Every structure is written in C-alpha cells, then in structure tokens.
PDB file of N, CA and C in Angstrom:
ATOM      1  N   MET A   1      39.370  57.266 -50.750  1.00  0.00           N
ATOM      2  CA  MET A   1      40.761  57.631 -50.893  1.00  0.00           C
ATOM      3  C   MET A   1      41.627  56.767 -49.988  1.00  0.00           C
ATOM      4  N   ALA A   2      42.852  56.584 -50.431  1.00  0.00           N
ATOM      5  CA  ALA A   2      43.791  55.790 -49.654  1.00  0.00           C
ATOM      6  C   ALA A   2      44.407  56.648 -48.552  1.00  0.00           C
ATOM      7  N   LYS A   3      44.662  56.008 -47.455  1.00  0.00           N
ATOM      8  CA  LYS A   3      45.285  56.705 -46.336  1.00  0.00           C
ATOM      9  C   LYS A   3      46.780  56.854 -46.601  1.00  0.00           C
ATOM     10  N   LYS A   4      47.305  58.019 -46.387  1.00  0.00           N
ATOM     11  CA  LYS A   4      48.733  58.251 -46.591  1.00  0.00           C
ATOM     12  C   LYS A   4      49.526  57.637 -45.445  1.00  0.00           C
ATOM     13  N   GLN A   5      50.663  57.069 -45.779  1.00  0.00           N
ATOM     14  CA  GLN A   5      51.507  56.460 -44.764  1.00  0.00           C
ATOM     15  C   GLN A   5      52.332  57.547 -44.085  1.00  0.00           C
ATOM     16  N   SER A   6      52.385  57.474 -42.787  1.00  0.00           N
ATOM     17  CA  SER A   6      53.184  58.447 -42.050  1.00  0.00           C
ATOM     18  C   SER A   6      54.590  57.907 -41.880  1.00  0.00           C
ATOM     19  N   PHE A   7      55.562  58.734 -42.100  1.00  0.00           N
ATOM     20  CA  PHE A   7      56.948  58.330 -41.958  1.00  0.00           C
ATOM     21  C   PHE A   7      57.504  58.945 -40.688  1.00  0.00           C
ATOM     22  N   GLY A   8      57.196  58.304 -39.603  1.00  0.00           N
ATOM     23  CA  GLY A   8      57.682  58.768 -38.315  1.00  0.00           C
ATOM     24  C   GLY A   8      59.014  58.116 -37.987  1.00  0.00           C
ATOM     25  N   ASP A   9      59.457  58.344 -36.793  1.00  0.00           N
ATOM     26  CA  ASP A   9      60.727  57.774 -36.338  1.00  0.00           C
ATOM     27  C   ASP A   9      60.689  56.249 -36.339  1.00  0.00           C
ATOM     28  N   LYS A  10      59.541  55.682 -35.985  1.00  0.00           N
ATOM     29  CA  LYS A  10      59.425  54.229 -35.906  1.00  0.00           C
ATOM     30  C   LYS A  10      59.586  53.587 -37.284  1.00  0.00           C
ATOM     31  N   VAL A  11      58.952  54.145 -38.301  1.00  0.00           N
ATOM     32  CA  VAL A  11      59.019  53.595 -39.652  1.00  0.00           C
ATOM     33  C   VAL A  11      60.423  53.759 -40.218  1.00  0.00           C
ATOM     34  N   LEU A  12      61.027  54.899 -40.007  1.00  0.00           N
ATOM     35  CA  LEU A  12      62.379  55.126 -40.511  1.00  0.00           C
ATOM     36  C   LEU A  12      63.391  54.222 -39.822  1.00  0.00           C
ATOM     37  N   ARG A  13      63.186  53.942 -38.544  1.00  0.00           N
ATOM     38  CA  ARG A  13      64.075  53.048 -37.809  1.00  0.00           C
ATOM     39  C   ARG A  13      63.964  51.626 -38.345  1.00  0.00           C
ATOM     40  N   GLN A  14      62.747  51.191 -38.670  1.00  0.00           N
ATOM     41  CA  GLN A  14      62.553  49.859 -39.228  1.00  0.00           C
ATOM     42  C   GLN A  14      63.212  49.731 -40.597  1.00  0.00           C
ATOM     43  N   LYS A  15      63.123  50.766 -41.408  1.00  0.00           N
ATOM     44  CA  LYS A  15      63.765  50.741 -42.720  1.00  0.00           C
ATOM     45  C   LYS A  15      65.283  50.682 -42.579  1.00  0.00           C
ATOM     46  N   ALA A  16      65.828  51.410 -41.636  1.00  0.00           N
ATOM     47  CA  ALA A  16      67.278  51.409 -41.425  1.00  0.00           C
ATOM     48  C   ALA A  16      67.747  50.044 -40.927  1.00  0.00           C
ATOM     49  N   ASP A  17      66.969  49.408 -40.061  1.00  0.00           N
ATOM     50  CA  ASP A  17      67.330  48.077 -39.569  1.00  0.00           C
ATOM     51  C   ASP A  17      67.276  47.041 -40.677  1.00  0.00           C
ATOM     52  N   ALA A  18      66.335  47.165 -41.585  1.00  0.00           N
ATOM     53  CA  ALA A  18      66.224  46.212 -42.687  1.00  0.00           C
ATOM     54  C   ALA A  18      67.407  46.331 -43.634  1.00  0.00           C
ATOM     55  N   LYS A  19      67.948  47.518 -43.774  1.00  0.00           N
ATOM     56  CA  LYS A  19      69.095  47.717 -44.659  1.00  0.00           C
ATOM     57  C   LYS A  19      70.373  47.162 -44.049  1.00  0.00           C
ATOM     58  N   ARG A  20      70.386  46.900 -42.763  1.00  0.00           N
ATOM     59  CA  ARG A  20      71.575  46.392 -42.089  1.00  0.00           C
ATOM     60  C   ARG A  20      71.619  44.876 -42.075  1.00  0.00           C
ATOM     61  N   MET A  21      70.685  44.219 -42.761  1.00  0.00           N
ATOM     62  CA  MET A  21      70.626  42.769 -42.779  1.00  0.00           C
ATOM     63  C   MET A  21      71.193  42.250 -44.100  1.00  0.00           C
ATOM     64  N   ALA A  22      71.808  41.079 -44.042  1.00  0.00           N
ATOM     65  CA  ALA A  22      72.344  40.429 -45.232  1.00  0.00           C
ATOM     66  C   ALA A  22      71.751  39.023 -45.318  1.00  0.00           C
ATOM     67  N   LYS A  23      71.429  38.599 -46.522  1.00  0.00           N
ATOM     68  CA  LYS A  23      70.902  37.260 -46.726  1.00  0.00           C
ATOM     69  C   LYS A  23      72.071  36.331 -47.035  1.00  0.00           C
ATOM     70  N   VAL A  24      72.237  35.306 -46.226  1.00  0.00           N
ATOM     71  CA  VAL A  24      73.332  34.356 -46.377  1.00  0.00           C
ATOM     72  C   VAL A  24      72.735  33.034 -46.851  1.00  0.00           C
ATOM     73  N   VAL A  25      73.254  32.505 -47.949  1.00  0.00           N
ATOM     74  CA  VAL A  25      72.795  31.231 -48.491  1.00  0.00           C
ATOM     75  C   VAL A  25      73.899  30.210 -48.262  1.00  0.00           C
ATOM     76  N   LEU A  26      73.575  29.137 -47.549  1.00  0.00           N
ATOM     77  CA  LEU A  26      74.536  28.097 -47.226  1.00  0.00           C
ATOM     78  C   LEU A  26      74.177  26.828 -47.985  1.00  0.00           C
ATOM     79  N   ALA A  27      75.192  26.180 -48.576  1.00  0.00           N
ATOM     80  CA  ALA A  27      74.984  24.937 -49.305  1.00  0.00           C
ATOM     81  C   ALA A  27      75.497  23.777 -48.460  1.00  0.00           C
ATOM     82  N   GLU A  28      74.705  22.708 -48.396  1.00  0.00           N
ATOM     83  CA  GLU A  28      75.087  21.510 -47.660  1.00  0.00           C
ATOM     84  C   GLU A  28      74.909  20.308 -48.577  1.00  0.00           C
ATOM     85  N   ARG A  29      75.868  19.391 -48.534  1.00  0.00           N
ATOM     86  CA  ARG A  29      75.741  18.175 -49.325  1.00  0.00           C
ATOM     87  C   ARG A  29      75.151  17.073 -48.451  1.00  0.00           C
ATOM     88  N   LYS A  30      74.068  16.463 -48.926  1.00  0.00           N
ATOM     89  CA  LYS A  30      73.412  15.383 -48.194  1.00  0.00           C
ATOM     90  C   LYS A  30      74.162  14.081 -48.418  1.00  0.00           C
ATOM     91  N   ASP A  31      73.780  13.053 -47.679  1.00  0.00           N
ATOM     92  CA  ASP A  31      74.414  11.745 -47.797  1.00  0.00           C
ATOM     93  C   ASP A  31      74.204  11.117 -49.171  1.00  0.00           C
ATOM     94  N   ASN A  32      73.058  11.408 -49.796  1.00  0.00           N
ATOM     95  CA  ASN A  32      72.770  10.809 -51.089  1.00  0.00           C
ATOM     96  C   ASN A  32      73.371  11.612 -52.256  1.00  0.00           C
ATOM     97  N   GLY A  33      74.149  12.656 -51.972  1.00  0.00           N
ATOM     98  CA  GLY A  33      74.828  13.411 -53.012  1.00  0.00           C
ATOM     99  C   GLY A  33      74.108  14.672 -53.456  1.00  0.00           C
ATOM    100  N   HIS A  34      72.891  14.857 -53.056  1.00  0.00           N
ATOM    101  CA  HIS A  34      72.153  16.058 -53.424  1.00  0.00           C
ATOM    102  C   HIS A  34      72.641  17.240 -52.597  1.00  0.00           C
ATOM    103  N   ILE A  35      72.444  18.422 -53.135  1.00  0.00           N
ATOM    104  CA  ILE A  35      72.850  19.642 -52.433  1.00  0.00           C
ATOM    105  C   ILE A  35      71.601  20.351 -51.923  1.00  0.00           C
ATOM    106  N   ARG A  36      71.652  20.753 -50.673  1.00  0.00           N
ATOM    107  CA  ARG A  36      70.540  21.478 -50.046  1.00  0.00           C
ATOM    108  C   ARG A  36      70.997  22.890 -49.739  1.00  0.00           C
ATOM    109  N   PHE A  37      70.165  23.859 -50.045  1.00  0.00           N
ATOM    110  CA  PHE A  37      70.481  25.260 -49.797  1.00  0.00           C
ATOM    111  C   PHE A  37      69.606  25.780 -48.667  1.00  0.00           C
ATOM    112  N   ARG A  38      70.236  26.457 -47.715  1.00  0.00           N
ATOM    113  CA  ARG A  38      69.527  27.120 -46.627  1.00  0.00           C
ATOM    114  C   ARG A  38      69.834  28.598 -46.702  1.00  0.00           C
ATOM    115  N   SER A  39      68.857  29.414 -46.405  1.00  0.00           N
ATOM    116  CA  SER A  39      69.101  30.857 -46.387  1.00  0.00           C
ATOM    117  C   SER A  39      68.630  31.419 -45.054  1.00  0.00           C
ATOM    118  N   LYS A  40      69.354  32.424 -44.593  1.00  0.00           N
ATOM    119  CA  LYS A  40      68.981  33.091 -43.347  1.00  0.00           C
ATOM    120  C   LYS A  40      69.403  34.546 -43.432  1.00  0.00           C
ATOM    121  N   MET A  41      68.695  35.373 -42.685  1.00  0.00           N
ATOM    122  CA  MET A  41      69.008  36.787 -42.620  1.00  0.00           C
ATOM    123  C   MET A  41      69.910  37.017 -41.408  1.00  0.00           C
ATOM    124  N   VAL A  42      71.033  37.699 -41.654  1.00  0.00           N
ATOM    125  CA  VAL A  42      72.032  37.919 -40.619  1.00  0.00           C
ATOM    126  C   VAL A  42      72.380  39.405 -40.598  1.00  0.00           C
ATOM    127  N   ASP A  43      72.666  39.917 -39.422  1.00  0.00           N
ATOM    128  CA  ASP A  43      73.116  41.301 -39.302  1.00  0.00           C
ATOM    129  C   ASP A  43      74.454  41.454 -40.033  1.00  0.00           C
ATOM    130  N   ILE A  44      74.682  42.591 -40.640  1.00  0.00           N
ATOM    131  CA  ILE A  44      75.888  42.814 -41.441  1.00  0.00           C
ATOM    132  C   ILE A  44      77.156  42.605 -40.617  1.00  0.00           C
ATOM    133  N   ASN A  45      77.128  42.967 -39.361  1.00  0.00           N
ATOM    134  CA  ASN A  45      78.308  42.826 -38.512  1.00  0.00           C
ATOM    135  C   ASN A  45      78.627  41.368 -38.186  1.00  0.00           C
ATOM    136  N   ASP A  46      77.664  40.457 -38.348  1.00  0.00           N
ATOM    137  CA  ASP A  46      77.849  39.059 -37.981  1.00  0.00           C
ATOM    138  C   ASP A  46      78.059  38.137 -39.179  1.00  0.00           C
ATOM    139  N   VAL A  47      78.218  38.668 -40.371  1.00  0.00           N
ATOM    140  CA  VAL A  47      78.324  37.830 -41.570  1.00  0.00           C
ATOM    141  C   VAL A  47      79.588  36.979 -41.533  1.00  0.00           C
ATOM    142  N   LYS A  48      80.725  37.561 -41.207  1.00  0.00           N
ATOM    143  CA  LYS A  48      81.976  36.803 -41.185  1.00  0.00           C
ATOM    144  C   LYS A  48      81.925  35.688 -40.146  1.00  0.00           C
ATOM    145  N   ASP A  49      81.365  35.965 -38.987  1.00  0.00           N
ATOM    146  CA  ASP A  49      81.257  34.948 -37.941  1.00  0.00           C
ATOM    147  C   ASP A  49      80.343  33.810 -38.388  1.00  0.00           C
ATOM    148  N   GLU A  50      79.263  34.146 -39.075  1.00  0.00           N
ATOM    149  CA  GLU A  50      78.324  33.126 -39.555  1.00  0.00           C
ATOM    150  C   GLU A  50      78.969  32.229 -40.607  1.00  0.00           C
ATOM    151  N   LEU A  51      79.769  32.808 -41.494  1.00  0.00           N
ATOM    152  CA  LEU A  51      80.444  32.017 -42.523  1.00  0.00           C
ATOM    153  C   LEU A  51      81.512  31.103 -41.908  1.00  0.00           C
ATOM    154  N   LYS A  52      82.227  31.609 -40.909  1.00  0.00           N
ATOM    155  CA  LYS A  52      83.221  30.774 -40.225  1.00  0.00           C
ATOM    156  C   LYS A  52      82.553  29.606 -39.511  1.00  0.00           C
ATOM    157  N   ALA A  53      81.410  29.857 -38.889  1.00  0.00           N
ATOM    158  CA  ALA A  53      80.694  28.818 -38.164  1.00  0.00           C
ATOM    159  C   ALA A  53      80.146  27.752 -39.113  1.00  0.00           C
ATOM    160  N   SER A  54      79.756  28.145 -40.307  1.00  0.00           N
ATOM    161  CA  SER A  54      79.190  27.175 -41.240  1.00  0.00           C
ATOM    162  C   SER A  54      80.262  26.269 -41.826  1.00  0.00           C
ATOM    163  N   ARG A  55      81.487  26.748 -41.928  1.00  0.00           N
ATOM    164  CA  ARG A  55      82.581  25.947 -42.471  1.00  0.00           C
ATOM    165  C   ARG A  55      83.133  24.966 -41.455  1.00  0.00           C
ATOM    166  N   GLY A  56      83.081  25.332 -40.202  1.00  0.00           N
ATOM    167  CA  GLY A  56      83.708  24.531 -39.159  1.00  0.00           C
ATOM    168  C   GLY A  56      82.829  23.554 -38.524  1.00  0.00           C
TER     169      GLY A  56
END
C-alpha cells in the first residue's frame, strides 16, 4: 500500500509560498537579430520592480 501524505503546517506553508510566486518571461534581442527568452520565478510583490529593472 502507498503511504498517505501528511498535510502538516510545513506542507501547507510550502503550498502557500508556491502560490505567491509569478513566472516572468523576459525577451532579449541578440546582436544577430534573434530573440532570446529568459524565465524566472519572482515573488508577486516584486513583479513590478523586476519589470522596471528589465526595461532600464
């Protein structure tokens, strides 16, 4: 039989932290004209700051 997963405070905290993350995809144009995409996980509160930093 499979072992049942326990949903303690630690597991619920990890799930809540994962829901607070946003995936940001940034596009960069290389010298040869090709476009490169980078993705990173950012906290929801820092999304606007990350987008401003990528533009500047």
